[in-house]
Amino acid sequence: MIITTTDNVQGKNTVETFGLVRGNTARSRNAGRDIMAFAKNITGGEVLEYTKLIAESRDQAIDRMTEQAEKMGANAICGVRFSSSNVASGVSEVLVYGTAVRVQ
């Protein structure tokens, strides 16, 4: 599956457009990560526990979007964008979306 932020796949012809595909996940923090984050707030620096959580969330959202595109018959997703938001106290959502297409 080709995934790109551009509106088309350079060097390929789009032969069919299937439409919007998306993937999302909502994740909550846990006590262990919160304790480590609190410690980092005191000493400063990157909070690796949260960095890992966010990366896992993005990967899961991409996997879900890709699965939806494959079910439609697409072999590429163009115009991919990410969005994130807080949906509740301690819960964040990562959303990825794009246009499923078939290229040759």
C-alpha atoms as a PDB file:
ATOM      1  CA  MET A   1       0.000   0.000   0.000  1.00  0.00           C
ATOM      2  CA  ILE A   2       1.381   3.386  -1.026  1.00  0.00           C
ATOM      3  CA  ILE A   3       0.584   6.090   1.531  1.00  0.00           C
ATOM      4  CA  THR A   4       1.372   9.689   0.660  1.00  0.00           C
ATOM      5  CA  THR A   5       0.543  13.184   1.863  1.00  0.00           C
ATOM      6  CA  THR A   6       0.500  14.462  -1.719  1.00  0.00           C
ATOM      7  CA  ASP A   7      -2.684  14.616  -3.794  1.00  0.00           C
ATOM      8  CA  ASN A   8      -1.432  11.931  -6.176  1.00  0.00           C
ATOM      9  CA  VAL A   9       1.307   9.341  -6.422  1.00  0.00           C
ATOM     10  CA  GLN A  10       4.140  10.792  -8.465  1.00  0.00           C
ATOM     11  CA  GLY A  11       4.959   8.681 -11.492  1.00  0.00           C
ATOM     12  CA  LYS A  12       1.722   6.688 -11.248  1.00  0.00           C
ATOM     13  CA  ASN A  13      -1.627   7.137 -12.964  1.00  0.00           C
ATOM     14  CA  THR A  14      -4.731   7.175 -10.783  1.00  0.00           C
ATOM     15  CA  VAL A  15      -7.216   4.859 -12.470  1.00  0.00           C
ATOM     16  CA  GLU A  16      -9.930   4.816  -9.816  1.00  0.00           C
ATOM     17  CA  THR A  17     -10.877   6.875  -6.781  1.00  0.00           C
ATOM     18  CA  PHE A  18     -12.768   5.123  -3.996  1.00  0.00           C
ATOM     19  CA  GLY A  19     -13.174   7.981  -1.562  1.00  0.00           C
ATOM     20  CA  LEU A  20     -12.443   8.842   2.040  1.00  0.00           C
ATOM     21  CA  VAL A  21     -10.794   6.312   4.329  1.00  0.00           C
ATOM     22  CA  ARG A  22      -9.901   6.829   7.957  1.00  0.00           C
ATOM     23  CA  GLY A  23      -8.476   5.144  10.981  1.00  0.00           C
ATOM     24  CA  ASN A  24      -8.539   6.249  14.568  1.00  0.00           C
ATOM     25  CA  THR A  25      -7.725   5.155  18.076  1.00  0.00           C
ATOM     26  CA  ALA A  26      -8.380   6.612  21.496  1.00  0.00           C
ATOM     27  CA  ARG A  27      -5.806   5.909  24.156  1.00  0.00           C
ATOM     28  CA  SER A  28      -5.613   6.674  27.833  1.00  0.00           C
ATOM     29  CA  ARG A  29      -2.625   7.217  30.015  1.00  0.00           C
ATOM     30  CA  ASN A  30      -1.801   4.811  32.801  1.00  0.00           C
ATOM     31  CA  ALA A  31      -0.486   5.336  36.308  1.00  0.00           C
ATOM     32  CA  GLY A  32       3.025   4.083  35.510  1.00  0.00           C
ATOM     33  CA  ARG A  33       3.413   6.475  32.611  1.00  0.00           C
ATOM     34  CA  ASP A  34       1.943   9.332  34.640  1.00  0.00           C
ATOM     35  CA  ILE A  35       4.508   8.806  37.397  1.00  0.00           C
ATOM     36  CA  MET A  36       7.354   8.868  34.861  1.00  0.00           C
ATOM     37  CA  ALA A  37       5.854  11.965  33.202  1.00  0.00           C
ATOM     38  CA  PHE A  38       5.621  13.723  36.556  1.00  0.00           C
ATOM     39  CA  ALA A  39       9.293  12.964  37.189  1.00  0.00           C
ATOM     40  CA  LYS A  40      10.194  14.396  33.758  1.00  0.00           C
ATOM     41  CA  ASN A  41       8.216  17.549  34.558  1.00  0.00           C
ATOM     42  CA  ILE A  42      10.579  18.099  37.476  1.00  0.00           C
ATOM     43  CA  THR A  43      13.832  17.272  35.688  1.00  0.00           C
ATOM     44  CA  GLY A  44      12.858  18.306  32.163  1.00  0.00           C
ATOM     45  CA  GLY A  45      13.366  16.447  28.899  1.00  0.00           C
ATOM     46  CA  GLU A  46      11.390  14.212  26.607  1.00  0.00           C
ATOM     47  CA  VAL A  47       8.740  12.001  28.168  1.00  0.00           C
ATOM     48  CA  LEU A  48       9.647   8.788  26.349  1.00  0.00           C
ATOM     49  CA  GLU A  49       6.645   6.883  27.721  1.00  0.00           C
ATOM     50  CA  TYR A  50       4.236   9.315  26.057  1.00  0.00           C
ATOM     51  CA  THR A  51       6.308   9.507  22.887  1.00  0.00           C
ATOM     52  CA  LYS A  52       6.018   5.726  22.571  1.00  0.00           C
ATOM     53  CA  LEU A  53       2.272   5.815  23.309  1.00  0.00           C
ATOM     54  CA  ILE A  54       1.687   8.444  20.615  1.00  0.00           C
ATOM     55  CA  ALA A  55       3.780   6.526  18.052  1.00  0.00           C
ATOM     56  CA  GLU A  56       1.821   3.331  18.786  1.00  0.00           C
ATOM     57  CA  SER A  57      -1.431   5.254  18.399  1.00  0.00           C
ATOM     58  CA  ARG A  58      -0.396   6.661  15.010  1.00  0.00           C
ATOM     59  CA  ASP A  59       0.660   3.217  13.789  1.00  0.00           C
ATOM     60  CA  GLN A  60      -2.636   1.661  14.885  1.00  0.00           C
ATOM     61  CA  ALA A  61      -4.644   4.428  13.185  1.00  0.00           C
ATOM     62  CA  ILE A  62      -2.651   3.972   9.949  1.00  0.00           C
ATOM     63  CA  ASP A  63      -3.212   0.199  10.080  1.00  0.00           C
ATOM     64  CA  ARG A  64      -6.973   0.722  10.435  1.00  0.00           C
ATOM     65  CA  MET A  65      -7.073   3.228   7.564  1.00  0.00           C
ATOM     66  CA  THR A  66      -5.027   0.906   5.349  1.00  0.00           C
ATOM     67  CA  GLU A  67      -7.319  -2.029   6.128  1.00  0.00           C
ATOM     68  CA  GLN A  68     -10.353   0.023   5.112  1.00  0.00           C
ATOM     69  CA  ALA A  69      -8.682   1.080   1.840  1.00  0.00           C
ATOM     70  CA  GLU A  70      -7.698  -2.514   1.002  1.00  0.00           C
ATOM     71  CA  LYS A  71     -11.290  -3.668   1.516  1.00  0.00           C
ATOM     72  CA  MET A  72     -12.362  -1.071  -1.061  1.00  0.00           C
ATOM     73  CA  GLY A  73      -9.829  -2.396  -3.579  1.00  0.00           C
ATOM     74  CA  ALA A  74      -7.353   0.474  -3.303  1.00  0.00           C
ATOM     75  CA  ASN A  75      -3.589   0.118  -3.572  1.00  0.00           C
ATOM     76  CA  ALA A  76      -2.749   3.676  -2.485  1.00  0.00           C
ATOM     77  CA  ILE A  77      -3.974   6.411  -0.165  1.00  0.00           C
ATOM     78  CA  CYS A  78      -3.374  10.049  -1.126  1.00  0.00           C
ATOM     79  CA  GLY A  79      -3.742  13.312   0.752  1.00  0.00           C
ATOM     80  CA  VAL A  80      -3.091  11.693   4.129  1.00  0.00           C
ATOM     81  CA  ARG A  81      -3.510  13.937   7.159  1.00  0.00           C
ATOM     82  CA  PHE A  82      -3.355  13.425  10.916  1.00  0.00           C
ATOM     83  CA  SER A  83      -5.441  15.008  13.632  1.00  0.00           C
ATOM     84  CA  SER A  84      -5.421  14.589  17.384  1.00  0.00           C
ATOM     85  CA  SER A  85      -7.695  15.712  20.160  1.00  0.00           C
ATOM     86  CA  ASN A  86      -8.537  15.113  23.794  1.00  0.00           C
ATOM     87  CA  VAL A  87     -11.849  13.297  24.083  1.00  0.00           C
ATOM     88  CA  ALA A  88     -11.921  13.020  27.880  1.00  0.00           C
ATOM     89  CA  SER A  89      -9.655  13.645  30.824  1.00  0.00           C
ATOM     90  CA  GLY A  90      -6.534  11.604  30.156  1.00  0.00           C
ATOM     91  CA  VAL A  91      -7.859  10.201  26.845  1.00  0.00           C
ATOM     92  CA  SER A  92      -6.496  11.321  23.479  1.00  0.00           C
ATOM     93  CA  GLU A  93      -7.643  10.401  19.997  1.00  0.00           C
ATOM     94  CA  VAL A  94      -5.413  10.089  16.951  1.00  0.00           C
ATOM     95  CA  LEU A  95      -7.211  10.247  13.600  1.00  0.00           C
ATOM     96  CA  VAL A  96      -5.655   9.698  10.179  1.00  0.00           C
ATOM     97  CA  TYR A  97      -7.541  10.125   6.916  1.00  0.00           C
ATOM     98  CA  GLY A  98      -6.988  10.265   3.194  1.00  0.00           C
ATOM     99  CA  THR A  99      -8.394   9.325  -0.203  1.00  0.00           C
ATOM    100  CA  ALA A 100      -8.273   5.680  -1.277  1.00  0.00           C
ATOM    101  CA  VAL A 101      -7.273   5.236  -4.926  1.00  0.00           C
ATOM    102  CA  ARG A 102      -6.039   2.592  -7.338  1.00  0.00           C
ATOM    103  CA  VAL A 103      -2.906   3.501  -9.268  1.00  0.00           C
ATOM    104  CA  GLN A 104      -0.923   1.779 -12.012  1.00  0.00           C
END
